[in-house]
Amino acid sequence: MFIPKKYKNNKKEGFVFLFLFGFLTFVAGFIFLFVLSIYLLRTQKNIEYKPVEAFSLDEVYNEDVNFYGRKFGEGGVFSLIKGKNVPKHLQEKAFLALADLKSPFIFNIIKENLSNPIDEIRLLAFSMISKMEKEMTQKVHELENRLKEENLSNDEKAEIYKNLAQLYWDFVLYNIVDEEFKNFMIEEAKNYALKSLSIQEDPYVYFLLGRIYLRLSDIEKATEFLKEAVKDKNIKSKVIPYLAECYFYKKDYKTVKNILKELDLVLDLRVKFVKDFWVGDVGYN
């Protein structure tokens, strides 16, 4: 109870060390420990708590954190699925863990397993894809039927157009449709997004159109829409990497560096490494 707070994190190790040191060194050891304890008690400082304004990813990566009761991590999921000598029941369990994680990367992993030699995983992959495609198609039909309703306000129409544009874009983003239908889906997404903007301005629609035109390699239009989207503080951090990509294609490297400097908090590892390359110590001059 007299040990300073900053030494209380490892109570067991501290007690064992003090006991062994005192026991093995007899009277001299106990006198030394008594003097050391008095010194520690008299010299400890009050630690002032300061709220964190922003955390450093480097500190998070290097932090030694113990997780109890964890069977496998996020990275382990993919290793278990793709591993050749992994037991069947572990592969199935890892694959089921993907059901709650929705992203284009995860969905591509699921699609790769349509040819998995394990019947259960192959059927799970097919059912996941089928379920997602069915849900998205149903949402499209519901929104298109809503457009046929009378007395819809302009705000409601703009919101429906925006949601339809996002859904058609998701078909392409998640690689759900076949290659020959992707151009059709992209055009539908673009047309609905432009219809939404014709009614009212929306930074999320600007952002969507910027990504669509970037996919179509129309860098000028992509830059135009992304510059409008980046004005909104809520999505600025998401827009900046795409806008920097546009200026990279234009070979305007100075602007790329200046834009990436505006990223304060980066949670995407890929974006973090790109930012470090351009504006870090080993970055572009």
C-alpha atoms as a PDB file:
ATOM      1  CA  MET A   1       0.000   0.000   0.000  1.00  0.00           C
ATOM      2  CA  PHE A   2       3.010   2.344   0.355  1.00  0.00           C
ATOM      3  CA  ILE A   3       4.374   1.664  -3.131  1.00  0.00           C
ATOM      4  CA  PRO A   4       4.049   4.707  -5.458  1.00  0.00           C
ATOM      5  CA  LYS A   5       1.249   4.484  -8.030  1.00  0.00           C
ATOM      6  CA  LYS A   6       3.567   4.438 -11.010  1.00  0.00           C
ATOM      7  CA  TYR A   7       5.060   1.146  -9.753  1.00  0.00           C
ATOM      8  CA  LYS A   8       1.751  -0.637  -9.094  1.00  0.00           C
ATOM      9  CA  ASN A   9       1.140  -1.977 -12.609  1.00  0.00           C
ATOM     10  CA  ASN A  10       3.306  -5.065 -12.016  1.00  0.00           C
ATOM     11  CA  LYS A  11       2.490  -5.935  -8.402  1.00  0.00           C
ATOM     12  CA  LYS A  12       3.315  -9.612  -8.610  1.00  0.00           C
ATOM     13  CA  GLU A  13       6.712  -9.121 -10.281  1.00  0.00           C
ATOM     14  CA  GLY A  14       7.591  -6.321  -7.859  1.00  0.00           C
ATOM     15  CA  PHE A  15       6.713  -8.370  -4.786  1.00  0.00           C
ATOM     16  CA  VAL A  16       8.695 -11.410  -5.977  1.00  0.00           C
ATOM     17  CA  PHE A  17      11.738  -9.247  -6.705  1.00  0.00           C
ATOM     18  CA  LEU A  18      11.626  -7.508  -3.312  1.00  0.00           C
ATOM     19  CA  PHE A  19      11.115 -10.768  -1.442  1.00  0.00           C
ATOM     20  CA  LEU A  20      13.931 -12.623  -3.206  1.00  0.00           C
ATOM     21  CA  PHE A  21      16.286  -9.670  -2.944  1.00  0.00           C
ATOM     22  CA  GLY A  22      15.649  -9.266   0.811  1.00  0.00           C
ATOM     23  CA  PHE A  23      15.701 -13.019   1.516  1.00  0.00           C
ATOM     24  CA  LEU A  24      18.928 -13.725  -0.357  1.00  0.00           C
ATOM     25  CA  THR A  25      20.832 -10.702   0.968  1.00  0.00           C
ATOM     26  CA  PHE A  26      19.709 -11.075   4.620  1.00  0.00           C
ATOM     27  CA  VAL A  27      20.000  -8.016   6.919  1.00  0.00           C
ATOM     28  CA  ALA A  28      21.947  -5.853   4.451  1.00  0.00           C
ATOM     29  CA  GLY A  29      19.271  -6.411   1.826  1.00  0.00           C
ATOM     30  CA  PHE A  30      16.437  -5.393   4.138  1.00  0.00           C
ATOM     31  CA  ILE A  31      18.312  -2.231   5.171  1.00  0.00           C
ATOM     32  CA  PHE A  32      18.902  -1.396   1.497  1.00  0.00           C
ATOM     33  CA  LEU A  33      15.224  -1.996   0.620  1.00  0.00           C
ATOM     34  CA  PHE A  34      14.130   0.177   3.553  1.00  0.00           C
ATOM     35  CA  VAL A  35      16.332   3.074   2.366  1.00  0.00           C
ATOM     36  CA  LEU A  36      15.179   2.540  -1.257  1.00  0.00           C
ATOM     37  CA  SER A  37      11.500   2.546  -0.237  1.00  0.00           C
ATOM     38  CA  ILE A  38      11.925   5.790   1.744  1.00  0.00           C
ATOM     39  CA  TYR A  39      13.633   7.329  -1.287  1.00  0.00           C
ATOM     40  CA  LEU A  40      10.860   6.268  -3.665  1.00  0.00           C
ATOM     41  CA  LEU A  41       8.150   7.509  -1.308  1.00  0.00           C
ATOM     42  CA  ARG A  42       9.793  10.909  -0.891  1.00  0.00           C
ATOM     43  CA  THR A  43      10.674  11.482  -4.547  1.00  0.00           C
ATOM     44  CA  GLN A  44       7.505  10.382  -6.371  1.00  0.00           C
ATOM     45  CA  LYS A  45       5.810  13.072  -8.418  1.00  0.00           C
ATOM     46  CA  ASN A  46       2.153  13.718  -9.042  1.00  0.00           C
ATOM     47  CA  ILE A  47       1.311  12.800 -12.614  1.00  0.00           C
ATOM     48  CA  GLU A  48      -0.837  15.488 -14.211  1.00  0.00           C
ATOM     49  CA  TYR A  49      -3.587  14.111 -16.419  1.00  0.00           C
ATOM     50  CA  LYS A  50      -3.906  15.792 -19.780  1.00  0.00           C
ATOM     51  CA  PRO A  51      -6.740  14.820 -22.144  1.00  0.00           C
ATOM     52  CA  VAL A  52      -5.543  13.519 -25.499  1.00  0.00           C
ATOM     53  CA  GLU A  53      -6.422  15.804 -28.415  1.00  0.00           C
ATOM     54  CA  ALA A  54      -5.275  13.335 -31.086  1.00  0.00           C
ATOM     55  CA  PHE A  55      -3.458  10.031 -30.832  1.00  0.00           C
ATOM     56  CA  SER A  56      -0.428   8.945 -32.803  1.00  0.00           C
ATOM     57  CA  LEU A  57      -0.740   5.764 -34.832  1.00  0.00           C
ATOM     58  CA  ASP A  58       2.934   5.036 -34.181  1.00  0.00           C
ATOM     59  CA  GLU A  59       2.220   4.916 -30.448  1.00  0.00           C
ATOM     60  CA  VAL A  60      -0.717   2.575 -31.022  1.00  0.00           C
ATOM     61  CA  TYR A  61       1.354   0.218 -33.200  1.00  0.00           C
ATOM     62  CA  ASN A  62       4.184   0.061 -30.664  1.00  0.00           C
ATOM     63  CA  GLU A  63       1.969  -0.195 -27.589  1.00  0.00           C
ATOM     64  CA  ASP A  64       2.205  -3.469 -25.721  1.00  0.00           C
ATOM     65  CA  VAL A  65      -1.418  -4.434 -25.109  1.00  0.00           C
ATOM     66  CA  ASN A  66      -2.537  -7.830 -23.842  1.00  0.00           C
ATOM     67  CA  PHE A  67      -5.880  -9.193 -25.058  1.00  0.00           C
ATOM     68  CA  TYR A  68      -7.399 -11.980 -22.993  1.00  0.00           C
ATOM     69  CA  GLY A  69      -9.762 -14.584 -24.347  1.00  0.00           C
ATOM     70  CA  ARG A  70      -9.002 -13.773 -27.969  1.00  0.00           C
ATOM     71  CA  LYS A  71      -8.856 -16.816 -30.241  1.00  0.00           C
ATOM     72  CA  PHE A  72      -7.655 -15.112 -33.421  1.00  0.00           C
ATOM     73  CA  GLY A  73      -7.310 -11.528 -34.605  1.00  0.00           C
ATOM     74  CA  GLU A  74      -8.524  -9.816 -37.763  1.00  0.00           C
ATOM     75  CA  GLY A  75      -5.320 -10.646 -39.592  1.00  0.00           C
ATOM     76  CA  GLY A  76      -5.556 -14.225 -38.419  1.00  0.00           C
ATOM     77  CA  VAL A  77      -8.955 -14.600 -40.083  1.00  0.00           C
ATOM     78  CA  PHE A  78      -7.459 -14.335 -43.563  1.00  0.00           C
ATOM     79  CA  SER A  79      -4.549 -16.600 -42.667  1.00  0.00           C
ATOM     80  CA  LEU A  80      -6.945 -19.266 -41.419  1.00  0.00           C
ATOM     81  CA  ILE A  81      -9.101 -19.027 -44.532  1.00  0.00           C
ATOM     82  CA  LYS A  82      -6.225 -19.127 -47.014  1.00  0.00           C
ATOM     83  CA  GLY A  83      -3.985 -21.520 -45.100  1.00  0.00           C
ATOM     84  CA  LYS A  84      -3.462 -24.940 -46.663  1.00  0.00           C
ATOM     85  CA  ASN A  85      -2.907 -26.933 -43.481  1.00  0.00           C
ATOM     86  CA  VAL A  86      -5.599 -25.269 -41.353  1.00  0.00           C
ATOM     87  CA  PRO A  87      -8.225 -27.618 -39.820  1.00  0.00           C
ATOM     88  CA  LYS A  88     -11.606 -27.507 -41.497  1.00  0.00           C
ATOM     89  CA  HIS A  89     -13.538 -26.376 -38.402  1.00  0.00           C
ATOM     90  CA  LEU A  90     -11.194 -23.384 -37.930  1.00  0.00           C
ATOM     91  CA  GLN A  91     -11.585 -22.337 -41.563  1.00  0.00           C
ATOM     92  CA  GLU A  92     -15.362 -22.447 -41.215  1.00  0.00           C
ATOM     93  CA  LYS A  93     -15.255 -20.423 -38.000  1.00  0.00           C
ATOM     94  CA  ALA A  94     -12.955 -17.825 -39.547  1.00  0.00           C
ATOM     95  CA  PHE A  95     -15.151 -17.554 -42.624  1.00  0.00           C
ATOM     96  CA  LEU A  96     -18.248 -16.975 -40.508  1.00  0.00           C
ATOM     97  CA  ALA A  97     -16.418 -14.093 -38.814  1.00  0.00           C
ATOM     98  CA  LEU A  98     -16.419 -12.284 -42.181  1.00  0.00           C
ATOM     99  CA  ALA A  99     -20.207 -12.163 -42.269  1.00  0.00           C
ATOM    100  CA  ASP A 100     -20.298  -9.129 -39.955  1.00  0.00           C
ATOM    101  CA  LEU A 101     -17.457  -7.270 -41.726  1.00  0.00           C
ATOM    102  CA  LYS A 102     -18.710  -5.404 -44.790  1.00  0.00           C
ATOM    103  CA  SER A 103     -16.121  -3.859 -47.083  1.00  0.00           C
ATOM    104  CA  PRO A 104     -15.022  -4.346 -50.718  1.00  0.00           C
ATOM    105  CA  PHE A 105     -11.848  -6.095 -49.553  1.00  0.00           C
ATOM    106  CA  ILE A 106     -13.790  -8.548 -47.370  1.00  0.00           C
ATOM    107  CA  PHE A 107     -16.285  -9.182 -50.150  1.00  0.00           C
ATOM    108  CA  ASN A 108     -13.492 -10.050 -52.598  1.00  0.00           C
ATOM    109  CA  ILE A 109     -12.214 -12.610 -50.075  1.00  0.00           C
ATOM    110  CA  ILE A 110     -15.696 -14.108 -49.973  1.00  0.00           C
ATOM    111  CA  LYS A 111     -15.885 -14.263 -53.782  1.00  0.00           C
ATOM    112  CA  GLU A 112     -12.524 -16.010 -53.965  1.00  0.00           C
ATOM    113  CA  ASN A 113     -13.983 -18.815 -51.859  1.00  0.00           C
ATOM    114  CA  LEU A 114     -16.653 -19.670 -54.418  1.00  0.00           C
ATOM    115  CA  SER A 115     -14.119 -22.196 -55.689  1.00  0.00           C
ATOM    116  CA  ASN A 116     -13.018 -23.381 -52.244  1.00  0.00           C
ATOM    117  CA  PRO A 117     -12.583 -27.189 -52.159  1.00  0.00           C
ATOM    118  CA  ILE A 118     -14.432 -27.354 -48.825  1.00  0.00           C
ATOM    119  CA  ASP A 119     -18.147 -27.714 -49.609  1.00  0.00           C
ATOM    120  CA  GLU A 120     -19.360 -25.914 -46.495  1.00  0.00           C
ATOM    121  CA  ILE A 121     -17.209 -22.809 -47.114  1.00  0.00           C
ATOM    122  CA  ARG A 122     -18.116 -22.743 -50.806  1.00  0.00           C
ATOM    123  CA  LEU A 123     -21.832 -22.824 -49.920  1.00  0.00           C
ATOM    124  CA  LEU A 124     -21.356 -20.149 -47.243  1.00  0.00           C
ATOM    125  CA  ALA A 125     -19.638 -17.878 -49.758  1.00  0.00           C
ATOM    126  CA  PHE A 126     -22.428 -18.366 -52.283  1.00  0.00           C
ATOM    127  CA  SER A 127     -25.145 -17.705 -49.686  1.00  0.00           C
ATOM    128  CA  MET A 128     -23.417 -14.506 -48.465  1.00  0.00           C
ATOM    129  CA  ILE A 129     -23.089 -13.124 -51.974  1.00  0.00           C
ATOM    130  CA  SER A 130     -26.619 -14.137 -52.895  1.00  0.00           C
ATOM    131  CA  LYS A 131     -28.036 -12.553 -49.739  1.00  0.00           C
ATOM    132  CA  MET A 132     -26.237  -9.244 -50.255  1.00  0.00           C
ATOM    133  CA  GLU A 133     -27.164  -9.064 -53.944  1.00  0.00           C
ATOM    134  CA  LYS A 134     -30.808  -9.811 -53.108  1.00  0.00           C
ATOM    135  CA  GLU A 135     -30.923  -7.136 -50.398  1.00  0.00           C
ATOM    136  CA  MET A 136     -29.387  -4.482 -52.653  1.00  0.00           C
ATOM    137  CA  THR A 137     -31.650  -5.353 -55.601  1.00  0.00           C
ATOM    138  CA  GLN A 138     -34.698  -5.181 -53.336  1.00  0.00           C
ATOM    139  CA  LYS A 139     -33.653  -1.730 -52.080  1.00  0.00           C
ATOM    140  CA  VAL A 140     -33.275  -0.502 -55.669  1.00  0.00           C
ATOM    141  CA  HIS A 141     -36.801  -1.676 -56.535  1.00  0.00           C
ATOM    142  CA  GLU A 142     -38.246  -0.080 -53.397  1.00  0.00           C
ATOM    143  CA  LEU A 143     -36.608   3.280 -54.150  1.00  0.00           C
ATOM    144  CA  GLU A 144     -37.651   3.204 -57.822  1.00  0.00           C
ATOM    145  CA  ASN A 145     -41.243   2.476 -56.773  1.00  0.00           C
ATOM    146  CA  ARG A 146     -41.117   5.413 -54.363  1.00  0.00           C
ATOM    147  CA  LEU A 147     -40.218   7.714 -57.252  1.00  0.00           C
ATOM    148  CA  LYS A 148     -43.565   6.839 -58.830  1.00  0.00           C
ATOM    149  CA  GLU A 149     -45.439   8.174 -55.821  1.00  0.00           C
ATOM    150  CA  GLU A 150     -47.216  11.471 -56.172  1.00  0.00           C
ATOM    151  CA  ASN A 151     -46.698  14.543 -53.991  1.00  0.00           C
ATOM    152  CA  LEU A 152     -43.026  13.814 -53.344  1.00  0.00           C
ATOM    153  CA  SER A 153     -41.151  16.903 -52.194  1.00  0.00           C
ATOM    154  CA  ASN A 154     -37.928  17.985 -53.894  1.00  0.00           C
ATOM    155  CA  ASP A 155     -35.931  17.051 -50.798  1.00  0.00           C
ATOM    156  CA  GLU A 156     -37.391  13.548 -50.825  1.00  0.00           C
ATOM    157  CA  LYS A 157     -36.640  13.122 -54.524  1.00  0.00           C
ATOM    158  CA  ALA A 158     -33.066  14.304 -54.041  1.00  0.00           C
ATOM    159  CA  GLU A 159     -32.569  11.826 -51.189  1.00  0.00           C
ATOM    160  CA  ILE A 160     -34.002   8.937 -53.243  1.00  0.00           C
ATOM    161  CA  TYR A 161     -31.768   9.790 -56.208  1.00  0.00           C
ATOM    162  CA  LYS A 162     -28.775   9.938 -53.860  1.00  0.00           C
ATOM    163  CA  ASN A 163     -29.550   6.514 -52.337  1.00  0.00           C
ATOM    164  CA  LEU A 164     -30.069   4.964 -55.775  1.00  0.00           C
ATOM    165  CA  ALA A 165     -26.756   6.382 -56.958  1.00  0.00           C
ATOM    166  CA  GLN A 166     -24.985   4.908 -53.919  1.00  0.00           C
ATOM    167  CA  LEU A 167     -26.625   1.506 -54.410  1.00  0.00           C
ATOM    168  CA  TYR A 168     -25.625   1.264 -58.072  1.00  0.00           C
ATOM    169  CA  TRP A 169     -22.110   2.348 -57.137  1.00  0.00           C
ATOM    170  CA  ASP A 170     -21.987  -0.323 -54.401  1.00  0.00           C
ATOM    171  CA  PHE A 171     -22.761  -2.986 -57.010  1.00  0.00           C
ATOM    172  CA  VAL A 172     -19.516  -1.991 -58.727  1.00  0.00           C
ATOM    173  CA  LEU A 173     -17.539  -1.259 -55.559  1.00  0.00           C
ATOM    174  CA  TYR A 174     -18.302  -4.652 -54.025  1.00  0.00           C
ATOM    175  CA  ASN A 175     -17.758  -6.362 -57.381  1.00  0.00           C
ATOM    176  CA  ILE A 176     -21.164  -8.021 -57.216  1.00  0.00           C
ATOM    177  CA  VAL A 177     -22.107  -7.655 -60.895  1.00  0.00           C
ATOM    178  CA  ASP A 178     -20.372  -9.308 -63.815  1.00  0.00           C
ATOM    179  CA  GLU A 179     -17.777  -7.332 -65.763  1.00  0.00           C
ATOM    180  CA  GLU A 180     -20.081  -6.702 -68.748  1.00  0.00           C
ATOM    181  CA  PHE A 181     -22.666  -4.969 -66.514  1.00  0.00           C
ATOM    182  CA  LYS A 182     -20.265  -2.706 -64.616  1.00  0.00           C
ATOM    183  CA  ASN A 183     -20.361   0.126 -67.168  1.00  0.00           C
ATOM    184  CA  PHE A 184     -24.157   0.136 -67.008  1.00  0.00           C
ATOM    185  CA  MET A 185     -24.114   0.288 -63.210  1.00  0.00           C
ATOM    186  CA  ILE A 186     -21.573   3.130 -63.228  1.00  0.00           C
ATOM    187  CA  GLU A 187     -23.688   5.133 -65.690  1.00  0.00           C
ATOM    188  CA  GLU A 188     -26.801   4.592 -63.580  1.00  0.00           C
ATOM    189  CA  ALA A 189     -24.960   5.718 -60.455  1.00  0.00           C
ATOM    190  CA  LYS A 190     -23.663   8.815 -62.243  1.00  0.00           C
ATOM    191  CA  ASN A 191     -27.058   9.763 -63.691  1.00  0.00           C
ATOM    192  CA  TYR A 192     -28.897   9.423 -60.384  1.00  0.00           C
ATOM    193  CA  ALA A 193     -26.186  11.399 -58.576  1.00  0.00           C
ATOM    194  CA  LEU A 194     -26.439  14.225 -61.135  1.00  0.00           C
ATOM    195  CA  LYS A 195     -30.222  14.233 -60.764  1.00  0.00           C
ATOM    196  CA  SER A 196     -29.839  14.578 -56.999  1.00  0.00           C
ATOM    197  CA  LEU A 197     -27.429  17.502 -57.402  1.00  0.00           C
ATOM    198  CA  SER A 198     -29.774  19.211 -59.852  1.00  0.00           C
ATOM    199  CA  ILE A 199     -32.284  19.491 -56.996  1.00  0.00           C
ATOM    200  CA  GLN A 200     -29.993  20.334 -54.074  1.00  0.00           C
ATOM    201  CA  GLU A 201     -26.299  20.412 -53.225  1.00  0.00           C
ATOM    202  CA  ASP A 202     -24.927  17.611 -51.088  1.00  0.00           C
ATOM    203  CA  PRO A 203     -21.232  17.077 -50.217  1.00  0.00           C
ATOM    204  CA  TYR A 204     -21.721  13.302 -50.123  1.00  0.00           C
ATOM    205  CA  VAL A 205     -23.068  13.334 -53.690  1.00  0.00           C
ATOM    206  CA  TYR A 206     -20.132  15.486 -54.811  1.00  0.00           C
ATOM    207  CA  PHE A 207     -17.835  12.925 -53.209  1.00  0.00           C
ATOM    208  CA  LEU A 208     -19.621  10.043 -54.922  1.00  0.00           C
ATOM    209  CA  LEU A 209     -19.432  11.715 -58.330  1.00  0.00           C
ATOM    210  CA  GLY A 210     -15.759  12.468 -57.797  1.00  0.00           C
ATOM    211  CA  ARG A 211     -15.045   8.767 -57.229  1.00  0.00           C
ATOM    212  CA  ILE A 212     -17.205   7.764 -60.198  1.00  0.00           C
ATOM    213  CA  TYR A 213     -15.391  10.112 -62.587  1.00  0.00           C
ATOM    214  CA  LEU A 214     -12.069   8.974 -61.146  1.00  0.00           C
ATOM    215  CA  ARG A 215     -13.085   5.400 -61.991  1.00  0.00           C
ATOM    216  CA  LEU A 216     -13.959   6.603 -65.506  1.00  0.00           C
ATOM    217  CA  SER A 217     -10.506   8.271 -65.759  1.00  0.00           C
ATOM    218  CA  ASP A 218     -12.097  11.691 -66.262  1.00  0.00           C
ATOM    219  CA  ILE A 219      -9.615  13.450 -63.979  1.00  0.00           C
ATOM    220  CA  GLU A 220     -10.841  16.993 -64.657  1.00  0.00           C
ATOM    221  CA  LYS A 221     -14.437  16.282 -63.660  1.00  0.00           C
ATOM    222  CA  ALA A 222     -13.318  14.131 -60.736  1.00  0.00           C
ATOM    223  CA  THR A 223     -11.199  17.023 -59.448  1.00  0.00           C
ATOM    224  CA  GLU A 224     -14.082  19.454 -59.898  1.00  0.00           C
ATOM    225  CA  PHE A 225     -16.517  17.410 -57.792  1.00  0.00           C
ATOM    226  CA  LEU A 226     -13.957  16.415 -55.150  1.00  0.00           C
ATOM    227  CA  LYS A 227     -12.968  20.059 -54.640  1.00  0.00           C
ATOM    228  CA  GLU A 228     -16.603  20.774 -53.790  1.00  0.00           C
ATOM    229  CA  ALA A 229     -16.831  17.761 -51.472  1.00  0.00           C
ATOM    230  CA  VAL A 230     -13.631  18.593 -49.553  1.00  0.00           C
ATOM    231  CA  LYS A 231     -15.213  21.841 -48.342  1.00  0.00           C
ATOM    232  CA  ASP A 232     -17.368  19.828 -45.930  1.00  0.00           C
ATOM    233  CA  LYS A 233     -15.484  19.200 -42.673  1.00  0.00           C
ATOM    234  CA  ASN A 234     -17.390  15.980 -41.912  1.00  0.00           C
ATOM    235  CA  ILE A 235     -15.984  14.113 -44.921  1.00  0.00           C
ATOM    236  CA  LYS A 236     -12.822  16.131 -45.586  1.00  0.00           C
ATOM    237  CA  SER A 237     -10.495  13.373 -44.344  1.00  0.00           C
ATOM    238  CA  LYS A 238     -12.172  10.861 -46.692  1.00  0.00           C
ATOM    239  CA  VAL A 239     -12.036  13.133 -49.729  1.00  0.00           C
ATOM    240  CA  ILE A 240      -8.410  14.304 -49.443  1.00  0.00           C
ATOM    241  CA  PRO A 241      -6.771  10.991 -50.556  1.00  0.00           C
ATOM    242  CA  TYR A 242      -8.919  10.899 -53.716  1.00  0.00           C
ATOM    243  CA  LEU A 243      -8.243  14.556 -54.471  1.00  0.00           C
ATOM    244  CA  ALA A 244      -4.516  13.987 -53.966  1.00  0.00           C
ATOM    245  CA  GLU A 245      -4.755  11.068 -56.395  1.00  0.00           C
ATOM    246  CA  CYS A 246      -6.265  13.381 -59.029  1.00  0.00           C
ATOM    247  CA  TYR A 247      -3.417  15.866 -58.706  1.00  0.00           C
ATOM    248  CA  PHE A 248      -0.929  12.994 -58.846  1.00  0.00           C
ATOM    249  CA  TYR A 249      -2.339  11.962 -62.237  1.00  0.00           C
ATOM    250  CA  LYS A 250      -2.006  15.601 -63.309  1.00  0.00           C
ATOM    251  CA  LYS A 251       1.663  15.470 -62.187  1.00  0.00           C
ATOM    252  CA  ASP A 252       1.054  18.404 -59.842  1.00  0.00           C
ATOM    253  CA  TYR A 253       3.178  16.880 -57.074  1.00  0.00           C
ATOM    254  CA  LYS A 254       3.465  20.075 -55.050  1.00  0.00           C
ATOM    255  CA  THR A 255      -0.304  20.192 -54.621  1.00  0.00           C
ATOM    256  CA  VAL A 256      -0.340  16.498 -53.685  1.00  0.00           C
ATOM    257  CA  LYS A 257       2.054  17.210 -50.823  1.00  0.00           C
ATOM    258  CA  ASN A 258       0.125  20.293 -49.638  1.00  0.00           C
ATOM    259  CA  ILE A 259      -3.207  18.458 -49.689  1.00  0.00           C
ATOM    260  CA  LEU A 260      -1.917  15.442 -47.751  1.00  0.00           C
ATOM    261  CA  LYS A 261      -0.515  17.797 -45.100  1.00  0.00           C
ATOM    262  CA  GLU A 262      -4.115  18.668 -44.190  1.00  0.00           C
ATOM    263  CA  LEU A 263      -4.759  15.105 -43.006  1.00  0.00           C
ATOM    264  CA  ASP A 264      -4.518  15.252 -39.214  1.00  0.00           C
ATOM    265  CA  LEU A 265      -5.804  11.869 -38.095  1.00  0.00           C
ATOM    266  CA  VAL A 266      -5.326   8.919 -40.449  1.00  0.00           C
ATOM    267  CA  LEU A 267      -6.991   5.610 -39.573  1.00  0.00           C
ATOM    268  CA  ASP A 268      -6.428   3.864 -42.909  1.00  0.00           C
ATOM    269  CA  LEU A 269      -2.965   2.287 -42.917  1.00  0.00           C
ATOM    270  CA  ARG A 270      -2.596   2.583 -46.686  1.00  0.00           C
ATOM    271  CA  VAL A 271      -3.361   6.309 -46.556  1.00  0.00           C
ATOM    272  CA  LYS A 272      -0.995   6.746 -43.594  1.00  0.00           C
ATOM    273  CA  PHE A 273       1.941   5.257 -45.500  1.00  0.00           C
ATOM    274  CA  VAL A 274       1.157   7.405 -48.550  1.00  0.00           C
ATOM    275  CA  LYS A 275       1.027  10.515 -46.373  1.00  0.00           C
ATOM    276  CA  ASP A 276       4.290   9.603 -44.635  1.00  0.00           C
ATOM    277  CA  PHE A 277       5.968   9.145 -47.997  1.00  0.00           C
ATOM    278  CA  TRP A 278       4.878  12.548 -49.300  1.00  0.00           C
ATOM    279  CA  VAL A 279       5.140  14.742 -46.221  1.00  0.00           C
ATOM    280  CA  GLY A 280       7.314  12.731 -43.816  1.00  0.00           C
ATOM    281  CA  ASP A 281      11.077  12.805 -43.289  1.00  0.00           C
ATOM    282  CA  VAL A 282      11.583  10.631 -46.362  1.00  0.00           C
ATOM    283  CA  GLY A 283       8.929  12.403 -48.350  1.00  0.00           C
ATOM    284  CA  TYR A 284       8.875  14.352 -51.555  1.00  0.00           C
ATOM    285  CA  ASN A 285      11.106  17.451 -51.811  1.00  0.00           C
END
